Amino acid sequence: MAQGASQSIEAANELFNFLSKDNKHTPDLFFKKRLERTKVINRRSKLNYRIFHFSNPILKTIRNESLKVMLKNKIFLNSYIGKVYN
């Protein structure tokens, strides 16, 4: 679902940061953090895939109206999007 390139760039940056700290537990910490991050992104990608591939016009209207409301809610934005991009 088009996550490969962005995940590669993010993983390379994280690995660089871990290696520059010169910690003997770097591989364990890196892979643990990447696994957690990958699970979150994978769940969100699957949810977005399902939501944005509606073919029913009524469901599309409900989705679009719901998104308008949710995108104005700062609590939602911080909890949903903030976890991925922080």
N, C-alpha and C. Protein backbone atom coordinates (compact mmCIF):
# COMPACT_ATOMS: atom_id res chain seq x y z
N MET A 1 0.82 -1.19 0.00
CA MET A 1 0.00 0.00 0.00
C MET A 1 0.86 1.25 0.00
N ALA A 2 1.91 1.20 -0.79
CA ALA A 2 2.77 2.35 -1.04
C ALA A 2 3.50 2.84 0.21
N GLN A 3 3.95 1.95 1.05
CA GLN A 3 4.65 2.35 2.26
C GLN A 3 6.15 2.02 2.20
N GLY A 4 6.58 1.28 1.20
CA GLY A 4 7.95 0.80 1.15
C GLY A 4 9.02 1.88 1.15
N ALA A 5 8.91 2.82 0.26
CA ALA A 5 9.94 3.85 0.13
C ALA A 5 10.00 4.74 1.38
N SER A 6 8.86 5.15 1.86
CA SER A 6 8.86 6.02 3.05
C SER A 6 9.37 5.27 4.28
N GLN A 7 9.04 3.99 4.38
CA GLN A 7 9.53 3.20 5.51
C GLN A 7 11.04 2.99 5.42
N SER A 8 11.56 2.83 4.23
CA SER A 8 13.01 2.66 4.05
C SER A 8 13.77 3.91 4.48
N ILE A 9 13.27 5.05 4.09
CA ILE A 9 13.92 6.32 4.46
C ILE A 9 13.85 6.52 5.97
N GLU A 10 12.70 6.26 6.55
CA GLU A 10 12.54 6.42 7.99
C GLU A 10 13.44 5.45 8.76
N ALA A 11 13.50 4.19 8.30
CA ALA A 11 14.34 3.19 8.97
C ALA A 11 15.82 3.56 8.87
N ALA A 12 16.24 4.05 7.73
CA ALA A 12 17.64 4.45 7.56
C ALA A 12 17.99 5.59 8.52
N ASN A 13 17.11 6.53 8.66
CA ASN A 13 17.34 7.65 9.58
C ASN A 13 17.41 7.16 11.03
N GLU A 14 16.50 6.29 11.42
CA GLU A 14 16.52 5.75 12.78
C GLU A 14 17.79 4.95 13.04
N LEU A 15 18.18 4.14 12.07
CA LEU A 15 19.39 3.33 12.22
C LEU A 15 20.62 4.22 12.38
N PHE A 16 20.70 5.27 11.59
CA PHE A 16 21.80 6.22 11.71
C PHE A 16 21.84 6.82 13.11
N ASN A 17 20.67 7.22 13.61
CA ASN A 17 20.61 7.81 14.95
C ASN A 17 21.04 6.82 16.02
N PHE A 18 20.61 5.57 15.90
CA PHE A 18 21.02 4.55 16.86
C PHE A 18 22.52 4.28 16.79
N LEU A 19 23.06 4.18 15.58
CA LEU A 19 24.48 3.88 15.42
C LEU A 19 25.37 5.02 15.89
N SER A 20 24.90 6.24 15.76
CA SER A 20 25.72 7.37 16.19
C SER A 20 25.80 7.46 17.72
N LYS A 21 24.91 6.77 18.44
CA LYS A 21 24.97 6.76 19.90
C LYS A 21 25.95 5.71 20.42
N ASP A 22 26.38 4.79 19.57
CA ASP A 22 27.38 3.78 19.90
C ASP A 22 26.97 2.97 21.14
N ASN A 23 25.82 2.36 21.06
CA ASN A 23 25.29 1.54 22.14
C ASN A 23 25.38 0.08 21.74
N LYS A 24 25.78 -0.80 22.64
CA LYS A 24 25.94 -2.21 22.29
C LYS A 24 24.58 -2.89 22.06
N HIS A 25 23.50 -2.28 22.49
CA HIS A 25 22.17 -2.85 22.30
C HIS A 25 21.46 -2.25 21.09
N THR A 26 22.19 -1.60 20.23
CA THR A 26 21.61 -0.93 19.07
C THR A 26 20.73 -1.84 18.22
N PRO A 27 21.19 -3.03 17.82
CA PRO A 27 20.32 -3.87 16.97
C PRO A 27 19.00 -4.23 17.65
N ASP A 28 19.06 -4.58 18.92
CA ASP A 28 17.83 -4.95 19.63
C ASP A 28 16.87 -3.77 19.74
N LEU A 29 17.40 -2.62 20.10
CA LEU A 29 16.56 -1.42 20.24
C LEU A 29 15.97 -1.01 18.90
N PHE A 30 16.80 -1.05 17.87
CA PHE A 30 16.35 -0.64 16.54
C PHE A 30 15.22 -1.54 16.05
N PHE A 31 15.42 -2.86 16.12
CA PHE A 31 14.41 -3.77 15.60
C PHE A 31 13.13 -3.75 16.44
N LYS A 32 13.24 -3.55 17.73
CA LYS A 32 12.05 -3.45 18.58
C LYS A 32 11.24 -2.21 18.21
N LYS A 33 11.93 -1.09 18.06
CA LYS A 33 11.23 0.16 17.71
C LYS A 33 10.63 0.07 16.30
N ARG A 34 11.36 -0.51 15.36
CA ARG A 34 10.84 -0.64 13.98
C ARG A 34 9.62 -1.55 13.93
N LEU A 35 9.64 -2.62 14.71
CA LEU A 35 8.51 -3.54 14.72
C LEU A 35 7.26 -2.84 15.23
N GLU A 36 7.38 -2.10 16.32
CA GLU A 36 6.24 -1.36 16.86
C GLU A 36 5.71 -0.35 15.84
N ARG A 37 6.63 0.38 15.24
CA ARG A 37 6.27 1.41 14.27
C ARG A 37 5.61 0.80 13.03
N THR A 38 6.15 -0.31 12.57
CA THR A 38 5.61 -0.97 11.39
C THR A 38 4.20 -1.48 11.64
N LYS A 39 3.95 -2.00 12.82
CA LYS A 39 2.61 -2.49 13.15
C LYS A 39 1.59 -1.36 13.11
N VAL A 40 1.94 -0.21 13.68
CA VAL A 40 1.03 0.94 13.69
C VAL A 40 0.75 1.39 12.26
N ILE A 41 1.77 1.53 11.48
CA ILE A 41 1.61 2.01 10.10
C ILE A 41 0.84 1.00 9.26
N ASN A 42 1.09 -0.27 9.48
CA ASN A 42 0.37 -1.31 8.73
C ASN A 42 -1.12 -1.29 9.05
N ARG A 43 -1.47 -1.16 10.34
CA ARG A 43 -2.89 -1.08 10.71
C ARG A 43 -3.55 0.13 10.10
N ARG A 44 -2.87 1.26 10.15
CA ARG A 44 -3.45 2.49 9.59
C ARG A 44 -3.59 2.39 8.07
N SER A 45 -2.63 1.78 7.41
CA SER A 45 -2.70 1.63 5.96
C SER A 45 -3.88 0.75 5.56
N LYS A 46 -4.07 -0.33 6.28
CA LYS A 46 -5.21 -1.22 5.97
C LYS A 46 -6.54 -0.52 6.21
N LEU A 47 -6.63 0.23 7.30
CA LEU A 47 -7.85 0.98 7.59
C LEU A 47 -8.12 2.00 6.49
N ASN A 48 -7.11 2.76 6.11
CA ASN A 48 -7.27 3.75 5.04
C ASN A 48 -7.65 3.09 3.72
N TYR A 49 -7.05 1.95 3.43
CA TYR A 49 -7.38 1.24 2.19
C TYR A 49 -8.86 0.88 2.17
N ARG A 50 -9.35 0.35 3.27
CA ARG A 50 -10.76 -0.05 3.33
C ARG A 50 -11.69 1.15 3.25
N ILE A 51 -11.36 2.19 3.97
CA ILE A 51 -12.23 3.37 4.01
C ILE A 51 -12.29 4.08 2.67
N PHE A 52 -11.16 4.19 1.97
CA PHE A 52 -11.14 4.99 0.75
C PHE A 52 -11.44 4.20 -0.52
N HIS A 53 -11.87 2.95 -0.38
CA HIS A 53 -12.25 2.17 -1.55
C HIS A 53 -13.73 1.79 -1.53
N PHE A 54 -14.53 2.66 -0.93
CA PHE A 54 -15.97 2.45 -0.97
C PHE A 54 -16.48 2.71 -2.38
N SER A 55 -17.45 1.92 -2.83
CA SER A 55 -18.05 2.17 -4.13
C SER A 55 -19.49 2.67 -3.99
N ASN A 56 -20.07 2.47 -2.83
CA ASN A 56 -21.42 2.90 -2.59
C ASN A 56 -21.45 4.41 -2.35
N PRO A 57 -22.28 5.15 -3.10
CA PRO A 57 -22.33 6.62 -2.94
C PRO A 57 -22.76 7.06 -1.55
N ILE A 58 -23.63 6.31 -0.91
CA ILE A 58 -24.08 6.68 0.44
C ILE A 58 -22.92 6.55 1.42
N LEU A 59 -22.17 5.45 1.34
CA LEU A 59 -21.01 5.26 2.22
C LEU A 59 -19.93 6.31 1.96
N LYS A 60 -19.76 6.68 0.71
CA LYS A 60 -18.79 7.74 0.38
C LYS A 60 -19.19 9.06 1.03
N THR A 61 -20.47 9.38 0.98
CA THR A 61 -20.96 10.63 1.57
C THR A 61 -20.76 10.61 3.08
N ILE A 62 -21.09 9.50 3.71
CA ILE A 62 -20.90 9.37 5.16
C ILE A 62 -19.43 9.51 5.51
N ARG A 63 -18.56 8.84 4.76
CA ARG A 63 -17.12 8.93 5.00
C ARG A 63 -16.63 10.37 4.86
N ASN A 64 -17.02 11.03 3.81
CA ASN A 64 -16.55 12.40 3.56
C ASN A 64 -17.03 13.37 4.63
N GLU A 65 -18.26 13.25 5.04
CA GLU A 65 -18.79 14.13 6.09
C GLU A 65 -18.10 13.84 7.42
N SER A 66 -17.87 12.57 7.71
CA SER A 66 -17.18 12.19 8.95
C SER A 66 -15.76 12.76 8.96
N LEU A 67 -15.08 12.68 7.84
CA LEU A 67 -13.71 13.21 7.76
C LEU A 67 -13.68 14.72 7.99
N LYS A 68 -14.66 15.42 7.46
CA LYS A 68 -14.72 16.87 7.67
C LYS A 68 -14.79 17.20 9.15
N VAL A 69 -15.59 16.44 9.89
CA VAL A 69 -15.74 16.68 11.32
C VAL A 69 -14.46 16.28 12.06
N MET A 70 -13.92 15.11 11.75
CA MET A 70 -12.73 14.61 12.46
C MET A 70 -11.51 15.49 12.23
N LEU A 71 -11.36 16.02 11.04
CA LEU A 71 -10.18 16.83 10.74
C LEU A 71 -10.19 18.19 11.43
N LYS A 72 -11.32 18.56 11.97
CA LYS A 72 -11.41 19.80 12.75
C LYS A 72 -11.16 19.55 14.23
N ASN A 73 -11.10 18.29 14.63
CA ASN A 73 -10.94 17.91 16.03
C ASN A 73 -9.46 17.68 16.34
N LYS A 74 -8.87 18.57 17.12
CA LYS A 74 -7.43 18.49 17.41
C LYS A 74 -7.06 17.25 18.21
N ILE A 75 -7.96 16.79 19.08
CA ILE A 75 -7.68 15.59 19.87
C ILE A 75 -7.54 14.39 18.93
N PHE A 76 -8.44 14.28 17.96
CA PHE A 76 -8.36 13.19 16.99
C PHE A 76 -7.07 13.27 16.19
N LEU A 77 -6.75 14.45 15.72
CA LEU A 77 -5.54 14.61 14.92
C LEU A 77 -4.29 14.23 15.69
N ASN A 78 -4.20 14.65 16.94
CA ASN A 78 -3.02 14.31 17.74
C ASN A 78 -2.95 12.83 18.06
N SER A 79 -4.10 12.20 18.31
CA SER A 79 -4.07 10.78 18.68
C SER A 79 -3.87 9.90 17.47
N TYR A 80 -4.45 10.23 16.34
CA TYR A 80 -4.37 9.36 15.15
C TYR A 80 -3.13 9.66 14.31
N ILE A 81 -2.99 10.89 13.92
CA ILE A 81 -1.88 11.26 13.04
C ILE A 81 -0.60 11.52 13.82
N GLY A 82 -0.73 12.07 15.00
CA GLY A 82 0.45 12.40 15.79
C GLY A 82 1.31 11.21 16.13
N LYS A 83 0.71 10.04 16.37
CA LYS A 83 1.46 8.84 16.69
C LYS A 83 2.33 8.39 15.54
N VAL A 84 1.89 8.63 14.35
CA VAL A 84 2.65 8.21 13.18
C VAL A 84 3.75 9.19 12.84
N TYR A 85 3.47 10.48 12.91
CA TYR A 85 4.41 11.48 12.43
C TYR A 85 5.26 12.14 13.49
N ASN A 86 5.14 11.75 14.74
CA ASN A 86 6.00 12.32 15.78
C ASN A 86 7.29 11.54 15.92
